[in-house]
Amino acid sequence: MALSTQEMLLALRAPNAHWLAALINALDEALKDPEFGIEQRAVLQQLLGAGIVPASVARAAEHRFERFEDSFADLVPGDESLDWTAATSAAAPPARPKLTLVGSNAAA
């Protein structure tokens, strides 16, 4: 069953579509990567067709993904123990100044 783009967009609006959104996002990134070749696409199609990921494949994928995440650690300058919540709050834009309404006392 082929869905139209509008039907896919509607499916993404469902309250339980978080996994669908995550997988579509990951697939979009993979399809843009020239290293995601025909062999890897065949593996993905086979897994989707089977409807299950064998436990050993899931474990191996988890370990491989951990190594992939670790490869990004070298790209981030600074201390690995950086508190990201503090860093993001410190980089927040300055608060807007408080405005005070001044009423006019126009006596006629």
C-alpha atoms as a PDB file:
ATOM      1  CA  MET A   1       0.000   0.000   0.000  1.00  0.00           C
ATOM      2  CA  ALA A   2       1.638   3.224  -1.164  1.00  0.00           C
ATOM      3  CA  LEU A   3       0.794   6.277   0.891  1.00  0.00           C
ATOM      4  CA  SER A   4       0.694   9.798  -0.452  1.00  0.00           C
ATOM      5  CA  THR A   5       2.839  12.498   1.083  1.00  0.00           C
ATOM      6  CA  GLN A   6      -0.282  13.994   2.669  1.00  0.00           C
ATOM      7  CA  GLU A   7      -1.148  10.641   4.287  1.00  0.00           C
ATOM      8  CA  MET A   8       2.390  10.360   5.667  1.00  0.00           C
ATOM      9  CA  LEU A   9       2.198  13.879   7.061  1.00  0.00           C
ATOM     10  CA  LEU A  10      -1.102  13.010   8.702  1.00  0.00           C
ATOM     11  CA  ALA A  11       0.407   9.835  10.208  1.00  0.00           C
ATOM     12  CA  LEU A  12       3.193  11.936  11.754  1.00  0.00           C
ATOM     13  CA  ARG A  13       0.597  14.073  13.551  1.00  0.00           C
ATOM     14  CA  ALA A  14      -0.655  11.110  15.579  1.00  0.00           C
ATOM     15  CA  PRO A  15       0.154  11.320  19.303  1.00  0.00           C
ATOM     16  CA  ASN A  16       2.038   8.002  19.211  1.00  0.00           C
ATOM     17  CA  ALA A  17       4.135   8.803  16.104  1.00  0.00           C
ATOM     18  CA  HIS A  18       7.374   9.573  17.974  1.00  0.00           C
ATOM     19  CA  TRP A  19       9.137   6.397  16.801  1.00  0.00           C
ATOM     20  CA  LEU A  20       7.913   6.915  13.260  1.00  0.00           C
ATOM     21  CA  ALA A  21       9.290  10.452  13.300  1.00  0.00           C
ATOM     22  CA  ALA A  22      12.633   9.290  14.711  1.00  0.00           C
ATOM     23  CA  LEU A  23      12.989   6.542  12.112  1.00  0.00           C
ATOM     24  CA  ILE A  24      12.014   8.813   9.225  1.00  0.00           C
ATOM     25  CA  ASN A  25      14.522  11.390  10.418  1.00  0.00           C
ATOM     26  CA  ALA A  26      17.289   8.763  10.640  1.00  0.00           C
ATOM     27  CA  LEU A  27      16.348   7.320   7.238  1.00  0.00           C
ATOM     28  CA  ASP A  28      16.395  10.771   5.657  1.00  0.00           C
ATOM     29  CA  GLU A  29      19.908  11.357   6.991  1.00  0.00           C
ATOM     30  CA  ALA A  30      21.062   7.908   5.854  1.00  0.00           C
ATOM     31  CA  LEU A  31      19.668   8.355   2.348  1.00  0.00           C
ATOM     32  CA  LYS A  32      21.609  11.615   2.017  1.00  0.00           C
ATOM     33  CA  ASP A  33      24.862   9.840   2.962  1.00  0.00           C
ATOM     34  CA  PRO A  34      26.645   8.421  -0.083  1.00  0.00           C
ATOM     35  CA  GLU A  35      28.192   5.719   2.139  1.00  0.00           C
ATOM     36  CA  PHE A  36      24.722   4.274   2.857  1.00  0.00           C
ATOM     37  CA  GLY A  37      24.896   1.935  -0.091  1.00  0.00           C
ATOM     38  CA  ILE A  38      22.759  -0.699  -1.759  1.00  0.00           C
ATOM     39  CA  GLU A  39      23.935  -3.446   0.610  1.00  0.00           C
ATOM     40  CA  GLN A  40      22.883  -1.508   3.695  1.00  0.00           C
ATOM     41  CA  ARG A  41      19.555  -0.618   2.095  1.00  0.00           C
ATOM     42  CA  ALA A  42      18.980  -4.330   1.402  1.00  0.00           C
ATOM     43  CA  VAL A  43      19.590  -5.141   5.086  1.00  0.00           C
ATOM     44  CA  LEU A  44      17.082  -2.478   6.085  1.00  0.00           C
ATOM     45  CA  GLN A  45      14.481  -3.780   3.638  1.00  0.00           C
ATOM     46  CA  GLN A  46      14.957  -7.331   4.893  1.00  0.00           C
ATOM     47  CA  LEU A  47      14.489  -6.251   8.515  1.00  0.00           C
ATOM     48  CA  LEU A  48      11.372  -4.271   7.655  1.00  0.00           C
ATOM     49  CA  GLY A  49      10.003  -7.204   5.663  1.00  0.00           C
ATOM     50  CA  ALA A  50      10.646  -9.634   8.509  1.00  0.00           C
ATOM     51  CA  GLY A  51       9.075  -7.317  11.061  1.00  0.00           C
ATOM     52  CA  ILE A  52      11.665  -8.235  13.692  1.00  0.00           C
ATOM     53  CA  VAL A  53      15.279  -7.498  14.492  1.00  0.00           C
ATOM     54  CA  PRO A  54      17.142 -10.573  15.751  1.00  0.00           C
ATOM     55  CA  ALA A  55      18.503  -9.982  19.267  1.00  0.00           C
ATOM     56  CA  SER A  56      22.116 -10.536  18.222  1.00  0.00           C
ATOM     57  CA  VAL A  57      21.723  -8.008  15.385  1.00  0.00           C
ATOM     58  CA  ALA A  58      20.127  -5.498  17.765  1.00  0.00           C
ATOM     59  CA  ARG A  59      23.028  -5.862  20.222  1.00  0.00           C
ATOM     60  CA  ALA A  60      25.635  -5.524  17.471  1.00  0.00           C
ATOM     61  CA  ALA A  61      23.845  -2.443  16.114  1.00  0.00           C
ATOM     62  CA  GLU A  62      23.752  -0.900  19.585  1.00  0.00           C
ATOM     63  CA  HIS A  63      27.512  -1.398  20.025  1.00  0.00           C
ATOM     64  CA  ARG A  64      28.217  -0.043  16.546  1.00  0.00           C
ATOM     65  CA  PHE A  65      26.053   3.008  17.222  1.00  0.00           C
ATOM     66  CA  GLU A  66      27.927   3.651  20.484  1.00  0.00           C
ATOM     67  CA  ARG A  67      31.180   3.760  18.512  1.00  0.00           C
ATOM     68  CA  PHE A  68      29.505   6.107  16.023  1.00  0.00           C
ATOM     69  CA  GLU A  69      28.453   8.418  18.875  1.00  0.00           C
ATOM     70  CA  ASP A  70      31.958   8.275  20.340  1.00  0.00           C
ATOM     71  CA  SER A  71      33.367   9.494  17.029  1.00  0.00           C
ATOM     72  CA  PHE A  72      31.562  12.790  17.611  1.00  0.00           C
ATOM     73  CA  ALA A  73      33.296  13.337  20.960  1.00  0.00           C
ATOM     74  CA  ASP A  74      36.413  14.475  19.102  1.00  0.00           C
ATOM     75  CA  LEU A  75      34.395  17.106  17.244  1.00  0.00           C
ATOM     76  CA  VAL A  76      33.128  18.841  20.390  1.00  0.00           C
ATOM     77  CA  PRO A  77      35.696  21.242  21.793  1.00  0.00           C
ATOM     78  CA  GLY A  78      36.143  21.440  25.531  1.00  0.00           C
ATOM     79  CA  ASP A  79      35.584  19.201  28.483  1.00  0.00           C
ATOM     80  CA  GLU A  80      33.546  16.019  28.036  1.00  0.00           C
ATOM     81  CA  SER A  81      32.107  16.520  31.503  1.00  0.00           C
ATOM     82  CA  LEU A  82      30.536  19.811  30.425  1.00  0.00           C
ATOM     83  CA  ASP A  83      27.105  20.293  31.904  1.00  0.00           C
ATOM     84  CA  TRP A  84      25.022  20.769  28.742  1.00  0.00           C
ATOM     85  CA  THR A  85      22.044  22.150  30.646  1.00  0.00           C
ATOM     86  CA  ALA A  86      24.222  24.893  32.138  1.00  0.00           C
ATOM     87  CA  ALA A  87      25.819  25.581  28.766  1.00  0.00           C
ATOM     88  CA  THR A  88      22.495  25.952  27.016  1.00  0.00           C
ATOM     89  CA  SER A  89      21.011  28.158  29.723  1.00  0.00           C
ATOM     90  CA  ALA A  90      24.130  30.356  29.735  1.00  0.00           C
ATOM     91  CA  ALA A  91      23.847  30.798  25.979  1.00  0.00           C
ATOM     92  CA  ALA A  92      20.215  31.876  26.202  1.00  0.00           C
ATOM     93  CA  PRO A  93      19.430  35.303  24.789  1.00  0.00           C
ATOM     94  CA  PRO A  94      19.248  38.127  27.313  1.00  0.00           C
ATOM     95  CA  ALA A  95      15.882  38.810  28.882  1.00  0.00           C
ATOM     96  CA  ARG A  96      13.806  41.581  27.404  1.00  0.00           C
ATOM     97  CA  PRO A  97      13.768  44.786  29.389  1.00  0.00           C
ATOM     98  CA  LYS A  98      10.743  45.332  31.570  1.00  0.00           C
ATOM     99  CA  LEU A  99       8.420  47.914  30.158  1.00  0.00           C
ATOM    100  CA  THR A 100       6.442  50.246  32.334  1.00  0.00           C
ATOM    101  CA  LEU A 101       3.220  51.747  31.109  1.00  0.00           C
ATOM    102  CA  VAL A 102       2.916  55.424  31.753  1.00  0.00           C
ATOM    103  CA  GLY A 103      -0.582  56.782  31.811  1.00  0.00           C
ATOM    104  CA  SER A 104      -1.353  60.193  30.539  1.00  0.00           C
ATOM    105  CA  ASN A 105      -3.141  62.575  32.820  1.00  0.00           C
ATOM    106  CA  ALA A 106      -4.762  64.746  30.229  1.00  0.00           C
ATOM    107  CA  ALA A 107      -7.120  67.129  31.915  1.00  0.00           C
ATOM    108  CA  ALA A 108      -9.270  69.082  29.534  1.00  0.00           C
END
